[in-house]
Amino acid sequence: MSMCADSALGARILELAGRLGVDPTPETYALFYRYLSKSDDKLCEALDAALARPILPSQLDLDRIWRQFGNASDGQRLTSLYDASQIQLQRLSLYVESAGDDARQYRDALNEGNDYLQATDDVVTQRELLSRLIEATSAMIEKTQRLESQVAIASREIQALRSDLEQARAESRTDPLTGLPNRKAFQSYLEIHSARAIADRKPLSLLFCDIDRFKQFNDTWGHRLGDEVLKLVGNSLEQLCQGIGFPARYGGEEFVIVLPNRDTRAATDIAEQIRDFVGSRTLRVKNMNRTVGQVTLSLGISQLRWQDSLDDLIERADAALYLAKETGRNRVCTEADTTSVTKLAASAG
């Protein structure tokens, strides 16, 4: 969308906000932007219905529509906030441009008045010119004060949008159940730190964790308890990895930990500590006062090689995890263990 089109849309948003008597908050901006740009059919239908009622929608009505339709996805929310930020920045740019025009007109008026004053000795004419200059100065002062107020409001709204945008970005990279970083955040972290490890010639290990027999927790006790198991593991990883690694929820009952500056031996020690700690904790069903039992983990480890792609590193850790599951669960296996098993199978064949 062009800047002119964005500016026109921004003016329409402000006009609609004024007509409804609501504050142009970041959420309202985003809501009106998507409504006026017709980028979301369901949201448009909901707001059309609200506008068709005899009583115009209040801020609470708009907030409800935004909560119901505006947050359809993290991507849409980020886009809406970004669009609202652009509108506010363009609005601020127009204020500054207008101020520049006013300043130039005021300067021209002063120069012209000064020239006339120097060219005439007539007292009446001089009084008239001075009166005009005073009026121009008063008008300029009023415009400047109004501009300062407009800029202050726009600046506060931009700051609010920035805060909301940062929060939205953080939420888009966080698993809502466990509070750990999600797979997207993990991929980004691994990409950055693997490149750094290769450049600095330092080790980096990857640790995959899988909750043993997780399906049985869900089937026996229900998904609510399954969520509690996931939270327990997530909290444990967050607690144990502080200062040493980057834990994330990879998906389902699977977690992953990036361990910069740790080789396979160090990663194995950390993995065993995690396995022991999680295995020492138990869950109880509160309403039944019954112990669910031990929660155990299987873990697989790979270490970065200089020629690795990220997929290579992940595949070797996943293969080590699969070996840990296949050979009894509640244990740690490394990529070296998978190589040994492959060699034994080949020699037996």
Foldseek 3Di string as FASTA:
>chain_A
DDLVVLQVLLVVLVVVCVVLVHDCALLSQLLSSCLVVVVFVVLVVQQVVQCPDPRHDDPVSSVVSCVVPVPPDLVSVLVSLVSSLSNLVSVLVVLVVVLVVLVVVLVVLVVVLVVVCVVDPDPVVNVVSVVVNVVSVVVNVVSVVVSVVVNVVSVVNSVSSVVVNVVSVQVNQADVLQRAGAQVVVVVVCVVQLVVCLVVVAKKKKKKKAKPPLVCCCVPPNVVVSSVLLNLLSVLCVVLPVPFWGKYAHDDRMIMIIGTRDDPVRVQVSVLVSQVVQQVDWDADVVVRGTPHGIGMQMEMEMDDNPDDVVRNVVLRVLQSVVCNVVPGSHYGYSVVVVVVVVVVVVVD
